Amino acid sequence: MKATVHVTLKPGVLDPQGQTIQRASEAIGFARIADVRQGKFFEVELSDDGDLEAARAELERFARDVLANPVIEDYRVEFLSDLPAASEQE
């Protein structure tokens, strides 16, 4: 069972790396890039015992306790089964 975890800085938390990327994009001609926020992306493989709710709860706890700093970061967990297939996105 595969899942992804997106970790991003909370709104209002200073993002110097994102600011640097935004300024650099402006300098090389990307005039419409008004703001950039950087984050982290994790792909996670879980053992599949058929209990999606238990897997979701464990991954939520793992994301909160290990991957993210809940004081300054938000996280979002997605199981690949939650995402529409490529043919459904068109």
PDB file of N, CA and C in Angstrom:
ATOM      1  N   MET A   1       0.854  -1.165   0.000  1.00  0.00           N
ATOM      2  CA  MET A   1       0.000   0.000   0.000  1.00  0.00           C
ATOM      3  C   MET A   1       0.903   1.232   0.000  1.00  0.00           C
ATOM      4  N   LYS A   2       0.685   2.104  -0.967  1.00  0.00           N
ATOM      5  CA  LYS A   2       1.529   3.293  -1.082  1.00  0.00           C
ATOM      6  C   LYS A   2       0.760   4.541  -0.688  1.00  0.00           C
ATOM      7  N   ALA A   3       1.513   5.474  -0.111  1.00  0.00           N
ATOM      8  CA  ALA A   3       0.927   6.750   0.296  1.00  0.00           C
ATOM      9  C   ALA A   3       1.973   7.837   0.125  1.00  0.00           C
ATOM     10  N   THR A   4       1.502   9.061   0.135  1.00  0.00           N
ATOM     11  CA  THR A   4       2.405  10.208   0.102  1.00  0.00           C
ATOM     12  C   THR A   4       2.087  11.113   1.279  1.00  0.00           C
ATOM     13  N   VAL A   5       3.113  11.826   1.721  1.00  0.00           N
ATOM     14  CA  VAL A   5       2.945  12.824   2.771  1.00  0.00           C
ATOM     15  C   VAL A   5       3.585  14.114   2.269  1.00  0.00           C
ATOM     16  N   HIS A   6       2.808  15.180   2.264  1.00  0.00           N
ATOM     17  CA  HIS A   6       3.297  16.511   1.905  1.00  0.00           C
ATOM     18  C   HIS A   6       3.415  17.312   3.193  1.00  0.00           C
ATOM     19  N   VAL A   7       4.591  17.868   3.441  1.00  0.00           N
ATOM     20  CA  VAL A   7       4.822  18.691   4.629  1.00  0.00           C
ATOM     21  C   VAL A   7       5.170  20.095   4.152  1.00  0.00           C
ATOM     22  N   THR A   8       4.428  21.083   4.640  1.00  0.00           N
ATOM     23  CA  THR A   8       4.667  22.470   4.247  1.00  0.00           C
ATOM     24  C   THR A   8       4.673  23.362   5.479  1.00  0.00           C
ATOM     25  N   LEU A   9       5.344  24.483   5.349  1.00  0.00           N
ATOM     26  CA  LEU A   9       5.332  25.454   6.438  1.00  0.00           C
ATOM     27  C   LEU A   9       3.931  26.032   6.596  1.00  0.00           C
ATOM     28  N   LYS A  10       3.542  26.283   7.825  1.00  0.00           N
ATOM     29  CA  LYS A  10       2.241  26.884   8.084  1.00  0.00           C
ATOM     30  C   LYS A  10       2.219  28.311   7.536  1.00  0.00           C
ATOM     31  N   PRO A  11       1.030  28.784   7.150  1.00  0.00           N
ATOM     32  CA  PRO A  11       0.924  30.181   6.719  1.00  0.00           C
ATOM     33  C   PRO A  11       1.435  31.099   7.830  1.00  0.00           C
ATOM     34  N   GLY A  12       2.171  32.109   7.446  1.00  0.00           N
ATOM     35  CA  GLY A  12       2.707  33.052   8.425  1.00  0.00           C
ATOM     36  C   GLY A  12       4.095  32.707   8.925  1.00  0.00           C
ATOM     37  N   VAL A  13       4.558  31.473   8.680  1.00  0.00           N
ATOM     38  CA  VAL A  13       5.912  31.089   9.073  1.00  0.00           C
ATOM     39  C   VAL A  13       6.865  31.543   7.970  1.00  0.00           C
ATOM     40  N   LEU A  14       7.896  32.256   8.339  1.00  0.00           N
ATOM     41  CA  LEU A  14       8.871  32.764   7.378  1.00  0.00           C
ATOM     42  C   LEU A  14       9.489  31.616   6.589  1.00  0.00           C
ATOM     43  N   ASP A  15       9.576  31.782   5.280  1.00  0.00           N
ATOM     44  CA  ASP A  15      10.136  30.763   4.390  1.00  0.00           C
ATOM     45  C   ASP A  15      11.271  31.381   3.576  1.00  0.00           C
ATOM     46  N   PRO A  16      12.474  31.496   4.157  1.00  0.00           N
ATOM     47  CA  PRO A  16      13.569  32.144   3.437  1.00  0.00           C
ATOM     48  C   PRO A  16      13.957  31.418   2.150  1.00  0.00           C
ATOM     49  N   GLN A  17      13.874  30.092   2.129  1.00  0.00           N
ATOM     50  CA  GLN A  17      14.213  29.364   0.907  1.00  0.00           C
ATOM     51  C   GLN A  17      13.198  29.684  -0.193  1.00  0.00           C
ATOM     52  N   GLY A  18      11.932  29.706   0.143  1.00  0.00           N
ATOM     53  CA  GLY A  18      10.906  30.067  -0.833  1.00  0.00           C
ATOM     54  C   GLY A  18      11.088  31.483  -1.350  1.00  0.00           C
ATOM     55  N   GLN A  19      11.442  32.412  -0.447  1.00  0.00           N
ATOM     56  CA  GLN A  19      11.669  33.798  -0.858  1.00  0.00           C
ATOM     57  C   GLN A  19      12.852  33.891  -1.815  1.00  0.00           C
ATOM     58  N   THR A  20      13.904  33.153  -1.535  1.00  0.00           N
ATOM     59  CA  THR A  20      15.083  33.156  -2.411  1.00  0.00           C
ATOM     60  C   THR A  20      14.726  32.620  -3.792  1.00  0.00           C
ATOM     61  N   ILE A  21      13.954  31.541  -3.831  1.00  0.00           N
ATOM     62  CA  ILE A  21      13.534  30.969  -5.111  1.00  0.00           C
ATOM     63  C   ILE A  21      12.672  31.972  -5.878  1.00  0.00           C
ATOM     64  N   GLN A  22      11.765  32.646  -5.184  1.00  0.00           N
ATOM     65  CA  GLN A  22      10.897  33.630  -5.841  1.00  0.00           C
ATOM     66  C   GLN A  22      11.719  34.764  -6.431  1.00  0.00           C
ATOM     67  N   ARG A  23      12.662  35.300  -5.665  1.00  0.00           N
ATOM     68  CA  ARG A  23      13.503  36.398  -6.173  1.00  0.00           C
ATOM     69  C   ARG A  23      14.335  35.939  -7.369  1.00  0.00           C
ATOM     70  N   ALA A  24      14.875  34.730  -7.295  1.00  0.00           N
ATOM     71  CA  ALA A  24      15.675  34.208  -8.408  1.00  0.00           C
ATOM     72  C   ALA A  24      14.803  34.016  -9.647  1.00  0.00           C
ATOM     73  N   SER A  25      13.584  33.532  -9.459  1.00  0.00           N
ATOM     74  CA  SER A  25      12.701  33.329 -10.613  1.00  0.00           C
ATOM     75  C   SER A  25      12.390  34.659 -11.298  1.00  0.00           C
ATOM     76  N   GLU A  26      12.204  35.686 -10.499  1.00  0.00           N
ATOM     77  CA  GLU A  26      11.962  37.028 -11.038  1.00  0.00           C
ATOM     78  C   GLU A  26      13.174  37.512 -11.837  1.00  0.00           C
ATOM     79  N   ALA A  27      14.360  37.268 -11.300  1.00  0.00           N
ATOM     80  CA  ALA A  27      15.595  37.731 -11.938  1.00  0.00           C
ATOM     81  C   ALA A  27      15.852  37.054 -13.280  1.00  0.00           C
ATOM     82  N   ILE A  28      15.325  35.845 -13.462  1.00  0.00           N
ATOM     83  CA  ILE A  28      15.563  35.149 -14.732  1.00  0.00           C
ATOM     84  C   ILE A  28      14.338  35.177 -15.651  1.00  0.00           C
ATOM     85  N   GLY A  29      13.397  36.080 -15.347  1.00  0.00           N
ATOM     86  CA  GLY A  29      12.324  36.334 -16.288  1.00  0.00           C
ATOM     87  C   GLY A  29      10.968  35.723 -15.991  1.00  0.00           C
ATOM     88  N   PHE A  30      10.792  35.089 -14.859  1.00  0.00           N
ATOM     89  CA  PHE A  30       9.481  34.537 -14.510  1.00  0.00           C
ATOM     90  C   PHE A  30       8.703  35.584 -13.715  1.00  0.00           C
ATOM     91  N   ALA A  31       8.163  36.556 -14.414  1.00  0.00           N
ATOM     92  CA  ALA A  31       7.562  37.733 -13.780  1.00  0.00           C
ATOM     93  C   ALA A  31       6.258  37.433 -13.047  1.00  0.00           C
ATOM     94  N   ARG A  32       5.567  36.372 -13.403  1.00  0.00           N
ATOM     95  CA  ARG A  32       4.274  36.074 -12.777  1.00  0.00           C
ATOM     96  C   ARG A  32       4.393  35.262 -11.485  1.00  0.00           C
ATOM     97  N   ILE A  33       5.561  34.794 -11.149  1.00  0.00           N
ATOM     98  CA  ILE A  33       5.749  34.018  -9.918  1.00  0.00           C
ATOM     99  C   ILE A  33       5.768  34.997  -8.751  1.00  0.00           C
ATOM    100  N   ALA A  34       4.640  35.092  -8.043  1.00  0.00           N
ATOM    101  CA  ALA A  34       4.492  36.087  -6.979  1.00  0.00           C
ATOM    102  C   ALA A  34       4.969  35.574  -5.629  1.00  0.00           C
ATOM    103  N   ASP A  35       4.868  34.259  -5.390  1.00  0.00           N
ATOM    104  CA  ASP A  35       5.252  33.709  -4.090  1.00  0.00           C
ATOM    105  C   ASP A  35       5.613  32.246  -4.269  1.00  0.00           C
ATOM    106  N   VAL A  36       6.570  31.783  -3.507  1.00  0.00           N
ATOM    107  CA  VAL A  36       6.971  30.376  -3.506  1.00  0.00           C
ATOM    108  C   VAL A  36       7.073  29.929  -2.059  1.00  0.00           C
ATOM    109  N   ARG A  37       6.464  28.799  -1.748  1.00  0.00           N
ATOM    110  CA  ARG A  37       6.583  28.186  -0.425  1.00  0.00           C
ATOM    111  C   ARG A  37       7.189  26.810  -0.646  1.00  0.00           C
ATOM    112  N   GLN A  38       8.267  26.512   0.038  1.00  0.00           N
ATOM    113  CA  GLN A  38       8.905  25.212  -0.135  1.00  0.00           C
ATOM    114  C   GLN A  38       8.358  24.232   0.890  1.00  0.00           C
ATOM    115  N   GLY A  39       8.515  22.954   0.592  1.00  0.00           N
ATOM    116  CA  GLY A  39       8.051  21.916   1.504  1.00  0.00           C
ATOM    117  C   GLY A  39       8.807  20.625   1.258  1.00  0.00           C
ATOM    118  N   LYS A  40       8.298  19.559   1.859  1.00  0.00           N
ATOM    119  CA  LYS A  40       8.908  18.238   1.714  1.00  0.00           C
ATOM    120  C   LYS A  40       7.841  17.267   1.222  1.00  0.00           C
ATOM    121  N   PHE A  41       8.275  16.282   0.450  1.00  0.00           N
ATOM    122  CA  PHE A  41       7.388  15.271  -0.106  1.00  0.00           C
ATOM    123  C   PHE A  41       7.970  13.912   0.230  1.00  0.00           C
ATOM    124  N   PHE A  42       7.150  13.036   0.789  1.00  0.00           N
ATOM    125  CA  PHE A  42       7.599  11.691   1.154  1.00  0.00           C
ATOM    126  C   PHE A  42       6.702  10.663   0.482  1.00  0.00           C
ATOM    127  N   GLU A  43       7.320   9.606  -0.066  1.00  0.00           N
ATOM    128  CA  GLU A  43       6.581   8.437  -0.526  1.00  0.00           C
ATOM    129  C   GLU A  43       6.773   7.364   0.528  1.00  0.00           C
ATOM    130  N   VAL A  44       5.678   6.760   0.962  1.00  0.00           N
ATOM    131  CA  VAL A  44       5.727   5.780   2.041  1.00  0.00           C
ATOM    132  C   VAL A  44       5.065   4.495   1.567  1.00  0.00           C
ATOM    133  N   GLU A  45       5.725   3.379   1.788  1.00  0.00           N
ATOM    134  CA  GLU A  45       5.166   2.057   1.493  1.00  0.00           C
ATOM    135  C   GLU A  45       4.766   1.430   2.821  1.00  0.00           C
ATOM    136  N   LEU A  46       3.508   1.042   2.946  1.00  0.00           N
ATOM    137  CA  LEU A  46       3.003   0.408   4.163  1.00  0.00           C
ATOM    138  C   LEU A  46       2.673  -1.049   3.871  1.00  0.00           C
ATOM    139  N   SER A  47       2.825  -1.906   4.873  1.00  0.00           N
ATOM    140  CA  SER A  47       2.405  -3.290   4.688  1.00  0.00           C
ATOM    141  C   SER A  47       0.886  -3.300   4.557  1.00  0.00           C
ATOM    142  N   ASP A  48       0.394  -4.112   3.643  1.00  0.00           N
ATOM    143  CA  ASP A  48      -1.036  -4.128   3.337  1.00  0.00           C
ATOM    144  C   ASP A  48      -1.701  -5.304   4.033  1.00  0.00           C
ATOM    145  N   ASP A  49      -2.340  -5.015   5.165  1.00  0.00           N
ATOM    146  CA  ASP A  49      -3.071  -6.071   5.874  1.00  0.00           C
ATOM    147  C   ASP A  49      -4.572  -5.940   5.650  1.00  0.00           C
ATOM    148  N   GLY A  50      -4.963  -5.043   4.742  1.00  0.00           N
ATOM    149  CA  GLY A  50      -6.364  -4.875   4.408  1.00  0.00           C
ATOM    150  C   GLY A  50      -7.114  -3.874   5.271  1.00  0.00           C
ATOM    151  N   ASP A  51      -6.490  -3.372   6.321  1.00  0.00           N
ATOM    152  CA  ASP A  51      -7.161  -2.437   7.224  1.00  0.00           C
ATOM    153  C   ASP A  51      -6.728  -1.013   6.885  1.00  0.00           C
ATOM    154  N   LEU A  52      -7.422  -0.401   5.937  1.00  0.00           N
ATOM    155  CA  LEU A  52      -7.055   0.932   5.457  1.00  0.00           C
ATOM    156  C   LEU A  52      -7.172   1.978   6.559  1.00  0.00           C
ATOM    157  N   GLU A  53      -8.180   1.869   7.397  1.00  0.00           N
ATOM    158  CA  GLU A  53      -8.355   2.862   8.469  1.00  0.00           C
ATOM    159  C   GLU A  53      -7.210   2.804   9.475  1.00  0.00           C
ATOM    160  N   ALA A  54      -6.753   1.602   9.832  1.00  0.00           N
ATOM    161  CA  ALA A  54      -5.620   1.473  10.759  1.00  0.00           C
ATOM    162  C   ALA A  54      -4.348   2.001  10.106  1.00  0.00           C
ATOM    163  N   ALA A  55      -4.164   1.706   8.808  1.00  0.00           N
ATOM    164  CA  ALA A  55      -2.989   2.203   8.089  1.00  0.00           C
ATOM    165  C   ALA A  55      -3.017   3.725   8.026  1.00  0.00           C
ATOM    166  N   ARG A  56      -4.191   4.287   7.753  1.00  0.00           N
ATOM    167  CA  ARG A  56      -4.321   5.743   7.680  1.00  0.00           C
ATOM    168  C   ARG A  56      -3.998   6.371   9.038  1.00  0.00           C
ATOM    169  N   ALA A  57      -4.516   5.790  10.113  1.00  0.00           N
ATOM    170  CA  ALA A  57      -4.262   6.320  11.459  1.00  0.00           C
ATOM    171  C   ALA A  57      -2.780   6.242  11.805  1.00  0.00           C
ATOM    172  N   GLU A  58      -2.134   5.127  11.457  1.00  0.00           N
ATOM    173  CA  GLU A  58      -0.708   4.988  11.753  1.00  0.00           C
ATOM    174  C   GLU A  58       0.119   5.981  10.944  1.00  0.00           C
ATOM    175  N   LEU A  59      -0.216   6.151   9.675  1.00  0.00           N
ATOM    176  CA  LEU A  59       0.537   7.090   8.844  1.00  0.00           C
ATOM    177  C   LEU A  59       0.307   8.530   9.301  1.00  0.00           C
ATOM    178  N   GLU A  60      -0.901   8.871   9.705  1.00  0.00           N
ATOM    179  CA  GLU A  60      -1.167  10.209  10.254  1.00  0.00           C
ATOM    180  C   GLU A  60      -0.297  10.454  11.486  1.00  0.00           C
ATOM    181  N   ARG A  61      -0.227   9.466  12.366  1.00  0.00           N
ATOM    182  CA  ARG A  61       0.587   9.599  13.579  1.00  0.00           C
ATOM    183  C   ARG A  61       2.072   9.717  13.224  1.00  0.00           C
ATOM    184  N   PHE A  62       2.534   8.907  12.244  1.00  0.00           N
ATOM    185  CA  PHE A  62       3.926   8.951  11.787  1.00  0.00           C
ATOM    186  C   PHE A  62       4.254  10.326  11.203  1.00  0.00           C
ATOM    187  N   ALA A  63       3.355  10.852  10.378  1.00  0.00           N
ATOM    188  CA  ALA A  63       3.574  12.172   9.771  1.00  0.00           C
ATOM    189  C   ALA A  63       3.654  13.247  10.841  1.00  0.00           C
ATOM    190  N   ARG A  64       2.724  13.211  11.788  1.00  0.00           N
ATOM    191  CA  ARG A  64       2.677  14.225  12.848  1.00  0.00           C
ATOM    192  C   ARG A  64       3.887  14.132  13.777  1.00  0.00           C
ATOM    193  N   ASP A  65       4.270  12.906  14.171  1.00  0.00           N
ATOM    194  CA  ASP A  65       5.308  12.729  15.191  1.00  0.00           C
ATOM    195  C   ASP A  65       6.726  12.665  14.641  1.00  0.00           C
ATOM    196  N   VAL A  66       6.882  12.275  13.367  1.00  0.00           N
ATOM    197  CA  VAL A  66       8.227  12.052  12.821  1.00  0.00           C
ATOM    198  C   VAL A  66       8.549  12.989  11.657  1.00  0.00           C
ATOM    199  N   LEU A  67       7.658  13.096  10.694  1.00  0.00           N
ATOM    200  CA  LEU A  67       7.983  13.831   9.469  1.00  0.00           C
ATOM    201  C   LEU A  67       7.788  15.337   9.586  1.00  0.00           C
ATOM    202  N   ALA A  68       6.837  15.767  10.379  1.00  0.00           N
ATOM    203  CA  ALA A  68       6.519  17.197  10.471  1.00  0.00           C
ATOM    204  C   ALA A  68       6.798  17.727  11.870  1.00  0.00           C
ATOM    205  N   ASN A  69       7.083  19.015  11.921  1.00  0.00           N
ATOM    206  CA  ASN A  69       7.157  19.728  13.192  1.00  0.00           C
ATOM    207  C   ASN A  69       5.823  20.461  13.323  1.00  0.00           C
ATOM    208  N   PRO A  70       4.895  19.938  14.131  1.00  0.00           N
ATOM    209  CA  PRO A  70       3.546  20.504  14.160  1.00  0.00           C
ATOM    210  C   PRO A  70       3.469  21.945  14.647  1.00  0.00           C
ATOM    211  N   VAL A  71       4.528  22.462  15.219  1.00  0.00           N
ATOM    212  CA  VAL A  71       4.528  23.858  15.653  1.00  0.00           C
ATOM    213  C   VAL A  71       4.587  24.789  14.444  1.00  0.00           C
ATOM    214  N   ILE A  72       5.380  24.423  13.433  1.00  0.00           N
ATOM    215  CA  ILE A  72       5.572  25.313  12.284  1.00  0.00           C
ATOM    216  C   ILE A  72       5.166  24.701  10.945  1.00  0.00           C
ATOM    217  N   GLU A  73       4.790  23.415  10.929  1.00  0.00           N
ATOM    218  CA  GLU A  73       4.486  22.756   9.661  1.00  0.00           C
ATOM    219  C   GLU A  73       3.103  22.102   9.685  1.00  0.00           C
ATOM    220  N   ASP A  74       2.465  22.103   8.521  1.00  0.00           N
ATOM    221  CA  ASP A  74       1.249  21.335   8.276  1.00  0.00           C
ATOM    222  C   ASP A  74       1.642  20.122   7.448  1.00  0.00           C
ATOM    223  N   TYR A  75       0.802  19.098   7.464  1.00  0.00           N
ATOM    224  CA  TYR A  75       1.058  17.932   6.626  1.00  0.00           C
ATOM    225  C   TYR A  75      -0.253  17.428   6.042  1.00  0.00           C
ATOM    226  N   ARG A  76      -0.134  16.731   4.918  1.00  0.00           N
ATOM    227  CA  ARG A  76      -1.284  16.134   4.249  1.00  0.00           C
ATOM    228  C   ARG A  76      -0.908  14.719   3.831  1.00  0.00           C
ATOM    229  N   VAL A  77      -1.722  13.759   4.202  1.00  0.00           N
ATOM    230  CA  VAL A  77      -1.503  12.353   3.876  1.00  0.00           C
ATOM    231  C   VAL A  77      -2.469  11.964   2.765  1.00  0.00           C
ATOM    232  N   GLU A  78      -1.954  11.288   1.739  1.00  0.00           N
ATOM    233  CA  GLU A  78      -2.799  10.781   0.658  1.00  0.00           C
ATOM    234  C   GLU A  78      -2.385   9.359   0.346  1.00  0.00           C
ATOM    235  N   PHE A  79      -3.356   8.466   0.316  1.00  0.00           N
ATOM    236  CA  PHE A  79      -3.097   7.116  -0.163  1.00  0.00           C
ATOM    237  C   PHE A  79      -3.322   7.117  -1.662  1.00  0.00           C
ATOM    238  N   LEU A  80      -2.539   6.343  -2.386  1.00  0.00           N
ATOM    239  CA  LEU A  80      -2.683   6.348  -3.839  1.00  0.00           C
ATOM    240  C   LEU A  80      -4.083   5.921  -4.243  1.00  0.00           C
ATOM    241  N   SER A  81      -4.740   5.104  -3.436  1.00  0.00           N
ATOM    242  CA  SER A  81      -6.112   4.706  -3.738  1.00  0.00           C
ATOM    243  C   SER A  81      -7.078   5.879  -3.604  1.00  0.00           C
ATOM    244  N   ASP A  82      -6.675   6.952  -2.893  1.00  0.00           N
ATOM    245  CA  ASP A  82      -7.513   8.149  -2.742  1.00  0.00           C
ATOM    246  C   ASP A  82      -7.476   9.035  -3.978  1.00  0.00           C
ATOM    247  N   LEU A  83      -6.430   8.891  -4.786  1.00  0.00           N
ATOM    248  CA  LEU A  83      -6.217   9.783  -5.925  1.00  0.00           C
ATOM    249  C   LEU A  83      -6.911   9.232  -7.163  1.00  0.00           C
ATOM    250  N   PRO A  84      -7.478  10.093  -8.001  1.00  0.00           N
ATOM    251  CA  PRO A  84      -8.106   9.607  -9.231  1.00  0.00           C
ATOM    252  C   PRO A  84      -7.052   9.037 -10.171  1.00  0.00           C
ATOM    253  N   ALA A  85      -7.434   8.026 -10.914  1.00  0.00           N
ATOM    254  CA  ALA A  85      -6.529   7.444 -11.909  1.00  0.00           C
ATOM    255  C   ALA A  85      -6.249   8.486 -12.980  1.00  0.00           C
ATOM    256  N   ALA A  86      -5.144   8.322 -13.692  1.00  0.00           N
ATOM    257  CA  ALA A  86      -4.743   9.292 -14.715  1.00  0.00           C
ATOM    258  C   ALA A  86      -5.853   9.487 -15.744  1.00  0.00           C
ATOM    259  N   SER A  87      -6.547   8.415 -16.122  1.00  0.00           N
ATOM    260  CA  SER A  87      -7.611   8.537 -17.119  1.00  0.00           C
ATOM    261  C   SER A  87      -8.801   9.329 -16.582  1.00  0.00           C
ATOM    262  N   GLU A  88      -9.008   9.336 -15.247  1.00  0.00           N
ATOM    263  CA  GLU A  88     -10.114  10.081 -14.652  1.00  0.00           C
ATOM    264  C   GLU A  88      -9.804  11.566 -14.555  1.00  0.00           C
ATOM    265  N   GLN A  89      -8.528  11.946 -14.599  1.00  0.00           N
ATOM    266  CA  GLN A  89      -8.135  13.338 -14.442  1.00  0.00           C
ATOM    267  C   GLN A  89      -8.330  14.136 -15.720  1.00  0.00           C
ATOM    268  N   GLU A  90      -8.478  13.478 -16.841  1.00  0.00           N
ATOM    269  CA  GLU A  90      -8.579  14.172 -18.131  1.00  0.00           C
ATOM    270  C   GLU A  90      -9.971  14.665 -18.392  1.00  0.00           C
TER     271      GLU A  90
END
